[in-house]
C-alpha atoms as a PDB file:
ATOM      1  CA  UNK A   1       0.000   0.000   0.000  1.00  0.00           C
ATOM      2  CA  UNK A   2       2.826   2.361   0.956  1.00  0.00           C
ATOM      3  CA  UNK A   3       4.638   1.563  -2.297  1.00  0.00           C
ATOM      4  CA  UNK A   4       1.458   2.366  -4.264  1.00  0.00           C
ATOM      5  CA  UNK A   5       1.061   5.699  -2.492  1.00  0.00           C
ATOM      6  CA  UNK A   6       4.726   6.516  -3.109  1.00  0.00           C
ATOM      7  CA  UNK A   7       4.383   5.693  -6.816  1.00  0.00           C
ATOM      8  CA  UNK A   8       1.298   7.901  -7.078  1.00  0.00           C
ATOM      9  CA  UNK A   9       3.162  10.748  -5.338  1.00  0.00           C
ATOM     10  CA  UNK A  10       6.120  10.404  -7.702  1.00  0.00           C
ATOM     11  CA  UNK A  11       3.899  10.396 -10.765  1.00  0.00           C
ATOM     12  CA  UNK A  12       2.049  13.468  -9.510  1.00  0.00           C
ATOM     13  CA  UNK A  13       5.371  15.199  -8.899  1.00  0.00           C
ATOM     14  CA  UNK A  14       6.599  14.439 -12.401  1.00  0.00           C
ATOM     15  CA  UNK A  15       3.313  15.638 -13.891  1.00  0.00           C
ATOM     16  CA  UNK A  16       3.445  18.873 -11.904  1.00  0.00           C
ATOM     17  CA  UNK A  17       7.076  19.469 -12.911  1.00  0.00           C
ATOM     18  CA  UNK A  18       6.250  18.964 -16.598  1.00  0.00           C
ATOM     19  CA  UNK A  19       3.673  21.764 -16.334  1.00  0.00           C
ATOM     20  CA  UNK A  20       6.197  24.299 -15.052  1.00  0.00           C
ATOM     21  CA  UNK A  21       7.704  26.498 -17.770  1.00  0.00           C
ATOM     22  CA  UNK A  22      10.807  28.606 -17.230  1.00  0.00           C
ATOM     23  CA  UNK A  23      12.948  30.742 -19.568  1.00  0.00           C
ATOM     24  CA  UNK A  24      15.698  28.826 -21.340  1.00  0.00           C
ATOM     25  CA  UNK A  25      19.138  29.589 -19.880  1.00  0.00           C
ATOM     26  CA  UNK A  26      20.553  29.810 -23.423  1.00  0.00           C
ATOM     27  CA  UNK A  27      17.645  30.988 -25.594  1.00  0.00           C
ATOM     28  CA  UNK A  28      17.559  30.127 -29.268  1.00  0.00           C
ATOM     29  CA  UNK A  29      17.609  32.868 -31.875  1.00  0.00           C
ATOM     30  CA  UNK A  30      16.997  32.706 -35.606  1.00  0.00           C
ATOM     31  CA  UNK A  31      18.264  35.478 -37.897  1.00  0.00           C
ATOM     32  CA  UNK A  32      17.104  35.821 -41.486  1.00  0.00           C
ATOM     33  CA  UNK A  33      19.064  38.207 -43.695  1.00  0.00           C
ATOM     34  CA  UNK A  34      18.376  38.975 -47.373  1.00  0.00           C
ATOM     35  CA  UNK A  35      21.600  38.788 -49.363  1.00  0.00           C
ATOM     36  CA  UNK A  36      21.790  39.119 -53.123  1.00  0.00           C
ATOM     37  CA  UNK A  37      18.523  37.722 -54.503  1.00  0.00           C
ATOM     38  CA  UNK A  38      18.108  35.204 -51.676  1.00  0.00           C
ATOM     39  CA  UNK A  39      18.446  34.885 -47.907  1.00  0.00           C
ATOM     40  CA  UNK A  40      20.952  33.634 -45.361  1.00  0.00           C
ATOM     41  CA  UNK A  41      19.717  32.200 -42.056  1.00  0.00           C
ATOM     42  CA  UNK A  42      21.460  31.449 -38.763  1.00  0.00           C
ATOM     43  CA  UNK A  43      19.884  29.478 -35.916  1.00  0.00           C
ATOM     44  CA  UNK A  44      21.878  29.339 -32.687  1.00  0.00           C
ATOM     45  CA  UNK A  45      21.596  29.375 -28.887  1.00  0.00           C
ATOM     46  CA  UNK A  46      22.870  32.283 -26.782  1.00  0.00           C
ATOM     47  CA  UNK A  47      24.719  31.301 -23.604  1.00  0.00           C
ATOM     48  CA  UNK A  48      25.629  33.969 -21.006  1.00  0.00           C
ATOM     49  CA  UNK A  49      29.001  34.520 -19.368  1.00  0.00           C
ATOM     50  CA  UNK A  50      27.661  34.655 -15.779  1.00  0.00           C
ATOM     51  CA  UNK A  51      31.129  35.529 -14.537  1.00  0.00           C
ATOM     52  CA  UNK A  52      32.832  32.644 -16.336  1.00  0.00           C
ATOM     53  CA  UNK A  53      35.896  32.856 -18.582  1.00  0.00           C
ATOM     54  CA  UNK A  54      35.685  32.410 -22.346  1.00  0.00           C
ATOM     55  CA  UNK A  55      38.169  32.000 -25.230  1.00  0.00           C
ATOM     56  CA  UNK A  56      41.127  31.347 -22.909  1.00  0.00           C
ATOM     57  CA  UNK A  57      43.466  28.451 -22.254  1.00  0.00           C
ATOM     58  CA  UNK A  58      41.276  25.813 -20.531  1.00  0.00           C
ATOM     59  CA  UNK A  59      38.527  28.423 -19.998  1.00  0.00           C
ATOM     60  CA  UNK A  60      35.149  27.371 -18.659  1.00  0.00           C
ATOM     61  CA  UNK A  61      33.473  28.356 -21.928  1.00  0.00           C
ATOM     62  CA  UNK A  62      34.784  27.694 -25.452  1.00  0.00           C
ATOM     63  CA  UNK A  63      38.490  27.163 -24.624  1.00  0.00           C
ATOM     64  CA  UNK A  64      40.942  28.034 -27.373  1.00  0.00           C
ATOM     65  CA  UNK A  65      42.163  25.243 -29.584  1.00  0.00           C
ATOM     66  CA  UNK A  66      39.035  23.118 -29.138  1.00  0.00           C
ATOM     67  CA  UNK A  67      36.125  22.559 -31.513  1.00  0.00           C
ATOM     68  CA  UNK A  68      33.128  24.660 -30.436  1.00  0.00           C
ATOM     69  CA  UNK A  69      29.530  24.333 -31.510  1.00  0.00           C
ATOM     70  CA  UNK A  70      29.459  28.163 -31.765  1.00  0.00           C
ATOM     71  CA  UNK A  71      26.740  28.650 -29.195  1.00  0.00           C
ATOM     72  CA  UNK A  72      24.971  26.413 -26.699  1.00  0.00           C
ATOM     73  CA  UNK A  73      22.814  23.292 -26.955  1.00  0.00           C
ATOM     74  CA  UNK A  74      22.797  21.998 -30.556  1.00  0.00           C
ATOM     75  CA  UNK A  75      25.379  22.992 -33.153  1.00  0.00           C
ATOM     76  CA  UNK A  76      24.686  26.284 -34.899  1.00  0.00           C
ATOM     77  CA  UNK A  77      22.783  25.938 -38.182  1.00  0.00           C
ATOM     78  CA  UNK A  78      23.302  27.880 -41.411  1.00  0.00           C
ATOM     79  CA  UNK A  79      20.953  27.991 -44.378  1.00  0.00           C
ATOM     80  CA  UNK A  80      21.512  29.634 -47.766  1.00  0.00           C
ATOM     81  CA  UNK A  81      18.822  29.950 -50.418  1.00  0.00           C
ATOM     82  CA  UNK A  82      21.454  30.687 -53.056  1.00  0.00           C
ATOM     83  CA  UNK A  83      25.129  29.866 -53.530  1.00  0.00           C
ATOM     84  CA  UNK A  84      27.413  31.751 -51.151  1.00  0.00           C
ATOM     85  CA  UNK A  85      31.170  32.323 -51.242  1.00  0.00           C
ATOM     86  CA  UNK A  86      32.831  31.798 -47.849  1.00  0.00           C
ATOM     87  CA  UNK A  87      36.528  31.414 -47.181  1.00  0.00           C
ATOM     88  CA  UNK A  88      37.368  31.362 -50.879  1.00  0.00           C
ATOM     89  CA  UNK A  89      34.992  28.482 -51.649  1.00  0.00           C
ATOM     90  CA  UNK A  90      31.511  28.516 -53.166  1.00  0.00           C
ATOM     91  CA  UNK A  91      28.945  26.741 -50.987  1.00  0.00           C
ATOM     92  CA  UNK A  92      25.872  25.278 -52.627  1.00  0.00           C
ATOM     93  CA  UNK A  93      22.362  26.160 -51.485  1.00  0.00           C
ATOM     94  CA  UNK A  94      21.033  24.298 -48.450  1.00  0.00           C
ATOM     95  CA  UNK A  95      21.728  23.782 -44.737  1.00  0.00           C
ATOM     96  CA  UNK A  96      25.022  23.390 -42.906  1.00  0.00           C
ATOM     97  CA  UNK A  97      26.449  23.277 -39.387  1.00  0.00           C
ATOM     98  CA  UNK A  98      28.832  26.003 -38.246  1.00  0.00           C
ATOM     99  CA  UNK A  99      31.717  25.012 -35.978  1.00  0.00           C
ATOM    100  CA  UNK A 100      34.598  27.211 -34.871  1.00  0.00           C
ATOM    101  CA  UNK A 101      37.931  26.641 -33.156  1.00  0.00           C
ATOM    102  CA  UNK A 102      38.780  29.772 -31.139  1.00  0.00           C
ATOM    103  CA  UNK A 103      42.405  30.918 -31.037  1.00  0.00           C
ATOM    104  CA  UNK A 104      44.363  33.779 -29.510  1.00  0.00           C
ATOM    105  CA  UNK A 105      44.748  35.708 -32.762  1.00  0.00           C
ATOM    106  CA  UNK A 106      42.849  33.666 -35.342  1.00  0.00           C
ATOM    107  CA  UNK A 107      39.834  31.361 -35.384  1.00  0.00           C
ATOM    108  CA  UNK A 108      39.253  28.377 -37.636  1.00  0.00           C
ATOM    109  CA  UNK A 109      35.785  28.381 -39.195  1.00  0.00           C
ATOM    110  CA  UNK A 110      34.387  24.975 -40.118  1.00  0.00           C
ATOM    111  CA  UNK A 111      31.352  24.490 -42.376  1.00  0.00           C
ATOM    112  CA  UNK A 112      30.098  20.931 -41.916  1.00  0.00           C
ATOM    113  CA  UNK A 113      27.270  18.694 -43.178  1.00  0.00           C
ATOM    114  CA  UNK A 114      26.509  17.041 -39.819  1.00  0.00           C
ATOM    115  CA  UNK A 115      22.993  18.405 -39.475  1.00  0.00           C
ATOM    116  CA  UNK A 116      21.991  15.765 -36.910  1.00  0.00           C
ATOM    117  CA  UNK A 117      24.961  16.397 -34.623  1.00  0.00           C
ATOM    118  CA  UNK A 118      24.255  17.263 -31.003  1.00  0.00           C
ATOM    119  CA  UNK A 119      26.771  20.030 -30.371  1.00  0.00           C
ATOM    120  CA  UNK A 120      30.194  18.602 -31.197  1.00  0.00           C
ATOM    121  CA  UNK A 121      28.937  15.041 -30.614  1.00  0.00           C
ATOM    122  CA  UNK A 122      28.945  13.185 -33.897  1.00  0.00           C
ATOM    123  CA  UNK A 123      31.297  15.639 -35.605  1.00  0.00           C
ATOM    124  CA  UNK A 124      33.247  14.073 -38.459  1.00  0.00           C
ATOM    125  CA  UNK A 125      36.028  15.874 -40.266  1.00  0.00           C
ATOM    126  CA  UNK A 126      35.070  13.912 -43.378  1.00  0.00           C
ATOM    127  CA  UNK A 127      31.802  15.883 -43.434  1.00  0.00           C
ATOM    128  CA  UNK A 128      33.570  19.257 -43.602  1.00  0.00           C
ATOM    129  CA  UNK A 129      32.741  21.179 -46.765  1.00  0.00           C
ATOM    130  CA  UNK A 130      35.013  24.111 -45.976  1.00  0.00           C
ATOM    131  CA  UNK A 131      37.555  25.188 -43.372  1.00  0.00           C
ATOM    132  CA  UNK A 132      39.227  28.584 -43.287  1.00  0.00           C
ATOM    133  CA  UNK A 133      40.772  31.071 -40.874  1.00  0.00           C
ATOM    134  CA  UNK A 134      39.624  34.542 -39.777  1.00  0.00           C
ATOM    135  CA  UNK A 135      41.136  37.115 -37.435  1.00  0.00           C
ATOM    136  CA  UNK A 136      39.912  37.587 -33.858  1.00  0.00           C
ATOM    137  CA  UNK A 137      39.505  41.225 -32.822  1.00  0.00           C
ATOM    138  CA  UNK A 138      39.252  42.989 -29.473  1.00  0.00           C
ATOM    139  CA  UNK A 139      35.730  44.313 -28.814  1.00  0.00           C
ATOM    140  CA  UNK A 140      35.548  47.651 -26.920  1.00  0.00           C
ATOM    141  CA  UNK A 141      32.962  46.412 -24.403  1.00  0.00           C
ATOM    142  CA  UNK A 142      32.026  43.111 -22.798  1.00  0.00           C
ATOM    143  CA  UNK A 143      29.150  41.228 -24.420  1.00  0.00           C
ATOM    144  CA  UNK A 144      27.346  39.122 -21.813  1.00  0.00           C
ATOM    145  CA  UNK A 145      25.299  36.884 -24.134  1.00  0.00           C
ATOM    146  CA  UNK A 146      26.897  35.226 -27.134  1.00  0.00           C
ATOM    147  CA  UNK A 147      25.676  37.223 -30.123  1.00  0.00           C
ATOM    148  CA  UNK A 148      25.663  36.638 -33.869  1.00  0.00           C
ATOM    149  CA  UNK A 149      24.566  39.227 -36.405  1.00  0.00           C
ATOM    150  CA  UNK A 150      24.782  40.121 -40.076  1.00  0.00           C
ATOM    151  CA  UNK A 151      26.593  43.426 -40.626  1.00  0.00           C
ATOM    152  CA  UNK A 152      28.312  45.565 -43.275  1.00  0.00           C
ATOM    153  CA  UNK A 153      25.512  44.737 -45.684  1.00  0.00           C
ATOM    154  CA  UNK A 154      26.227  45.334 -49.371  1.00  0.00           C
ATOM    155  CA  UNK A 155      24.235  44.253 -52.457  1.00  0.00           C
ATOM    156  CA  UNK A 156      26.492  41.227 -52.987  1.00  0.00           C
ATOM    157  CA  UNK A 157      28.213  40.749 -49.627  1.00  0.00           C
ATOM    158  CA  UNK A 158      27.969  40.931 -45.850  1.00  0.00           C
ATOM    159  CA  UNK A 159      29.671  39.741 -42.664  1.00  0.00           C
ATOM    160  CA  UNK A 160      28.456  37.218 -40.148  1.00  0.00           C
ATOM    161  CA  UNK A 161      29.781  38.630 -36.883  1.00  0.00           C
ATOM    162  CA  UNK A 162      30.343  36.625 -33.672  1.00  0.00           C
ATOM    163  CA  UNK A 163      30.636  38.545 -30.397  1.00  0.00           C
ATOM    164  CA  UNK A 164      31.154  37.297 -26.862  1.00  0.00           C
ATOM    165  CA  UNK A 165      33.093  38.617 -23.932  1.00  0.00           C
ATOM    166  CA  UNK A 166      35.535  41.094 -25.466  1.00  0.00           C
ATOM    167  CA  UNK A 167      36.069  39.144 -28.707  1.00  0.00           C
ATOM    168  CA  UNK A 168      34.717  39.964 -32.165  1.00  0.00           C
ATOM    169  CA  UNK A 169      35.082  37.641 -35.162  1.00  0.00           C
ATOM    170  CA  UNK A 170      33.982  38.556 -38.684  1.00  0.00           C
ATOM    171  CA  UNK A 171      33.115  35.884 -41.244  1.00  0.00           C
ATOM    172  CA  UNK A 172      32.829  37.428 -44.744  1.00  0.00           C
ATOM    173  CA  UNK A 173      30.396  36.018 -47.279  1.00  0.00           C
ATOM    174  CA  UNK A 174      29.425  37.069 -50.769  1.00  0.00           C
ATOM    175  CA  UNK A 175      27.135  36.176 -53.646  1.00  0.00           C
ATOM    176  CA  UNK A 176      27.155  36.928 -57.383  1.00  0.00           C
ATOM    177  CA  UNK A 177      23.903  38.298 -58.750  1.00  0.00           C
ATOM    178  CA  UNK A 178      24.931  41.027 -61.203  1.00  0.00           C
ATOM    179  CA  UNK A 179      24.734  38.799 -64.275  1.00  0.00           C
ATOM    180  CA  UNK A 180      21.363  37.405 -63.234  1.00  0.00           C
ATOM    181  CA  UNK A 181      19.982  40.910 -62.803  1.00  0.00           C
ATOM    182  CA  UNK A 182      21.324  41.871 -66.244  1.00  0.00           C
ATOM    183  CA  UNK A 183      19.338  39.015 -67.790  1.00  0.00           C
ATOM    184  CA  UNK A 184      16.179  40.335 -66.105  1.00  0.00           C
ATOM    185  CA  UNK A 185      16.929  43.878 -67.249  1.00  0.00           C
ATOM    186  CA  UNK A 186      17.493  42.920 -70.870  1.00  0.00           C
ATOM    187  CA  UNK A 187      14.378  40.751 -70.903  1.00  0.00           C
ATOM    188  CA  UNK A 188      12.239  43.533 -69.426  1.00  0.00           C
ATOM    189  CA  UNK A 189      13.483  46.080 -71.962  1.00  0.00           C
ATOM    190  CA  UNK A 190      12.939  43.667 -74.857  1.00  0.00           C
ATOM    191  CA  UNK A 191       9.260  43.199 -74.021  1.00  0.00           C
ATOM    192  CA  UNK A 192       6.722  44.260 -76.649  1.00  0.00           C
ATOM    193  CA  UNK A 193       5.241  46.739 -74.170  1.00  0.00           C
ATOM    194  CA  UNK A 194       7.508  48.214 -71.501  1.00  0.00           C
ATOM    195  CA  UNK A 195       5.966  49.491 -68.283  1.00  0.00           C
ATOM    196  CA  UNK A 196       7.268  53.044 -67.645  1.00  0.00           C
ATOM    197  CA  UNK A 197       8.376  52.009 -64.147  1.00  0.00           C
ATOM    198  CA  UNK A 198      10.673  49.419 -65.710  1.00  0.00           C
ATOM    199  CA  UNK A 199      12.717  52.270 -67.149  1.00  0.00           C
ATOM    200  CA  UNK A 200      13.483  53.483 -63.624  1.00  0.00           C
ATOM    201  CA  UNK A 201      14.545  50.025 -62.391  1.00  0.00           C
ATOM    202  CA  UNK A 202      16.743  49.427 -65.425  1.00  0.00           C
ATOM    203  CA  UNK A 203      18.295  52.888 -65.121  1.00  0.00           C
ATOM    204  CA  UNK A 204      19.151  52.050 -61.510  1.00  0.00           C
ATOM    205  CA  UNK A 205      20.802  48.849 -62.638  1.00  0.00           C
ATOM    206  CA  UNK A 206      22.988  50.489 -65.295  1.00  0.00           C
ATOM    207  CA  UNK A 207      23.921  53.330 -62.925  1.00  0.00           C
ATOM    208  CA  UNK A 208      24.475  51.469 -59.626  1.00  0.00           C
ATOM    209  CA  UNK A 209      25.547  48.026 -60.797  1.00  0.00           C
ATOM    210  CA  UNK A 210      26.988  48.453 -64.283  1.00  0.00           C
ATOM    211  CA  UNK A 211      28.525  51.879 -63.579  1.00  0.00           C
ATOM    212  CA  UNK A 212      27.337  53.001 -67.001  1.00  0.00           C
ATOM    213  CA  UNK A 213      25.603  56.409 -66.665  1.00  0.00           C
ATOM    214  CA  UNK A 214      25.557  56.812 -70.445  1.00  0.00           C
ATOM    215  CA  UNK A 215      23.306  53.779 -70.797  1.00  0.00           C
ATOM    216  CA  UNK A 216      21.221  54.801 -67.778  1.00  0.00           C
ATOM    217  CA  UNK A 217      20.428  58.340 -69.012  1.00  0.00           C
ATOM    218  CA  UNK A 218      17.904  57.566 -71.809  1.00  0.00           C
ATOM    219  CA  UNK A 219      16.135  55.117 -69.502  1.00  0.00           C
ATOM    220  CA  UNK A 220      15.762  57.537 -66.587  1.00  0.00           C
ATOM    221  CA  UNK A 221      14.639  60.224 -69.051  1.00  0.00           C
ATOM    222  CA  UNK A 222      11.778  57.964 -70.154  1.00  0.00           C
ATOM    223  CA  UNK A 223      10.973  57.167 -66.535  1.00  0.00           C
ATOM    224  CA  UNK A 224      10.689  60.811 -65.414  1.00  0.00           C
ATOM    225  CA  UNK A 225       8.680  61.717 -68.512  1.00  0.00           C
ATOM    226  CA  UNK A 226       6.124  59.050 -67.565  1.00  0.00           C
ATOM    227  CA  UNK A 227       6.208  59.939 -63.839  1.00  0.00           C
ATOM    228  CA  UNK A 228       6.409  63.754 -63.601  1.00  0.00           C
ATOM    229  CA  UNK A 229       5.755  63.760 -59.810  1.00  0.00           C
ATOM    230  CA  UNK A 230       8.295  61.054 -58.891  1.00  0.00           C
ATOM    231  CA  UNK A 231      10.920  63.107 -57.032  1.00  0.00           C
ATOM    232  CA  UNK A 232      13.020  59.995 -56.366  1.00  0.00           C
ATOM    233  CA  UNK A 233      13.335  59.429 -60.119  1.00  0.00           C
ATOM    234  CA  UNK A 234      14.444  63.009 -60.687  1.00  0.00           C
ATOM    235  CA  UNK A 235      17.140  62.606 -58.027  1.00  0.00           C
ATOM    236  CA  UNK A 236      18.560  59.595 -59.865  1.00  0.00           C
ATOM    237  CA  UNK A 237      18.391  61.584 -63.084  1.00  0.00           C
ATOM    238  CA  UNK A 238      20.383  64.392 -61.422  1.00  0.00           C
ATOM    239  CA  UNK A 239      23.052  61.921 -60.241  1.00  0.00           C
ATOM    240  CA  UNK A 240      23.377  60.428 -63.722  1.00  0.00           C
ATOM    241  CA  UNK A 241      23.634  63.838 -65.371  1.00  0.00           C
ATOM    242  CA  UNK A 242      26.229  64.940 -62.796  1.00  0.00           C
ATOM    243  CA  UNK A 243      28.377  61.870 -63.494  1.00  0.00           C
ATOM    244  CA  UNK A 244      28.169  62.579 -67.212  1.00  0.00           C
ATOM    245  CA  UNK A 245      29.450  66.110 -66.605  1.00  0.00           C
ATOM    246  CA  UNK A 246      26.203  67.902 -67.511  1.00  0.00           C
ATOM    247  CA  UNK A 247      26.043  70.266 -64.518  1.00  0.00           C
ATOM    248  CA  UNK A 248      23.276  72.433 -65.966  1.00  0.00           C
ATOM    249  CA  UNK A 249      20.925  69.498 -66.502  1.00  0.00           C
ATOM    250  CA  UNK A 250      21.894  67.972 -63.145  1.00  0.00           C
ATOM    251  CA  UNK A 251      21.036  71.208 -61.346  1.00  0.00           C
ATOM    252  CA  UNK A 252      17.671  71.420 -63.105  1.00  0.00           C
ATOM    253  CA  UNK A 253      16.817  67.833 -62.133  1.00  0.00           C
ATOM    254  CA  UNK A 254      17.946  68.424 -58.561  1.00  0.00           C
ATOM    255  CA  UNK A 255      15.820  71.581 -58.308  1.00  0.00           C
ATOM    256  CA  UNK A 256      12.881  69.572 -59.646  1.00  0.00           C
ATOM    257  CA  UNK A 257      13.554  66.991 -56.944  1.00  0.00           C
ATOM    258  CA  UNK A 258      13.507  69.681 -54.235  1.00  0.00           C
ATOM    259  CA  UNK A 259      10.221  71.135 -55.485  1.00  0.00           C
ATOM    260  CA  UNK A 260       8.461  67.775 -55.771  1.00  0.00           C
ATOM    261  CA  UNK A 261       9.873  66.374 -52.518  1.00  0.00           C
ATOM    262  CA  UNK A 262       8.900  69.560 -50.653  1.00  0.00           C
ATOM    263  CA  UNK A 263       5.373  69.187 -51.980  1.00  0.00           C
ATOM    264  CA  UNK A 264       5.369  65.534 -50.844  1.00  0.00           C
ATOM    265  CA  UNK A 265       6.866  66.540 -47.457  1.00  0.00           C
ATOM    266  CA  UNK A 266       9.862  64.252 -47.877  1.00  0.00           C
ATOM    267  CA  UNK A 267      12.738  66.043 -46.166  1.00  0.00           C
ATOM    268  CA  UNK A 268      15.239  63.282 -46.905  1.00  0.00           C
ATOM    269  CA  UNK A 269      15.041  63.803 -50.657  1.00  0.00           C
ATOM    270  CA  UNK A 270      15.092  67.583 -50.257  1.00  0.00           C
ATOM    271  CA  UNK A 271      18.309  67.235 -48.258  1.00  0.00           C
ATOM    272  CA  UNK A 272      19.852  64.774 -50.741  1.00  0.00           C
ATOM    273  CA  UNK A 273      19.087  67.005 -53.734  1.00  0.00           C
ATOM    274  CA  UNK A 274      20.539  70.053 -52.012  1.00  0.00           C
ATOM    275  CA  UNK A 275      23.696  68.114 -51.128  1.00  0.00           C
ATOM    276  CA  UNK A 276      24.067  67.080 -54.755  1.00  0.00           C
ATOM    277  CA  UNK A 277      23.761  70.681 -55.934  1.00  0.00           C
ATOM    278  CA  UNK A 278      26.565  71.723 -53.571  1.00  0.00           C
ATOM    279  CA  UNK A 279      28.866  69.311 -55.434  1.00  0.00           C
ATOM    280  CA  UNK A 280      28.120  70.674 -58.896  1.00  0.00           C
END
């Protein structure tokens, strides 16, 4: 009878415990960052220092020279919707595991296919798809929770930054989309009927990506003619004309931008147009 009562008490205790929810000590975070024409994703857990040492010889957390899951709990996951260049090697689309080996001056970055690995358990060097080295930098303040973020965002590149304690590590990545955009641009312009707004997008491409203001000018001219109130189009037209050395036309387009943007109550474009005129 006593054993039965004890069993019932234990079962009740387990049931009650399973109903108690508490914050995770190392919460999981997922970051999704558009890059190129696709996205990059990172899923990782964020341990806290809590007064412990990190990135030191035999430190309590992530000692140097030892494979680290780059976070807590499971190994950090990466996902790329398009091919990404990392460490001088092109990675195919799909999911990967990110491992690192902290060092005093440099870290080894390991991209691995072991998606079912629990932390470093199950890691196999034979499943590495890339391994490269990056510099470790001194961070000006102490970061309590391990943090990853995408930074220095450019149309075809960015950095995946790792920060913890007083250490900052930057992992560069890049994509190639210029040629794919050119195909879209040429196809759009070759259509039997071209939407006037297409002229603006294609002018942006030839100006920003192809660095060809001569090719962009007739396109932006068609765009502003079809959209006489589009102050943002007139600002691009002013930039193109300035780069081509036509200061008179650039000033006229910039003044048009100021007038239209003032009417639309967009101070940012008023400021940008005035700054452009100062450089003429």
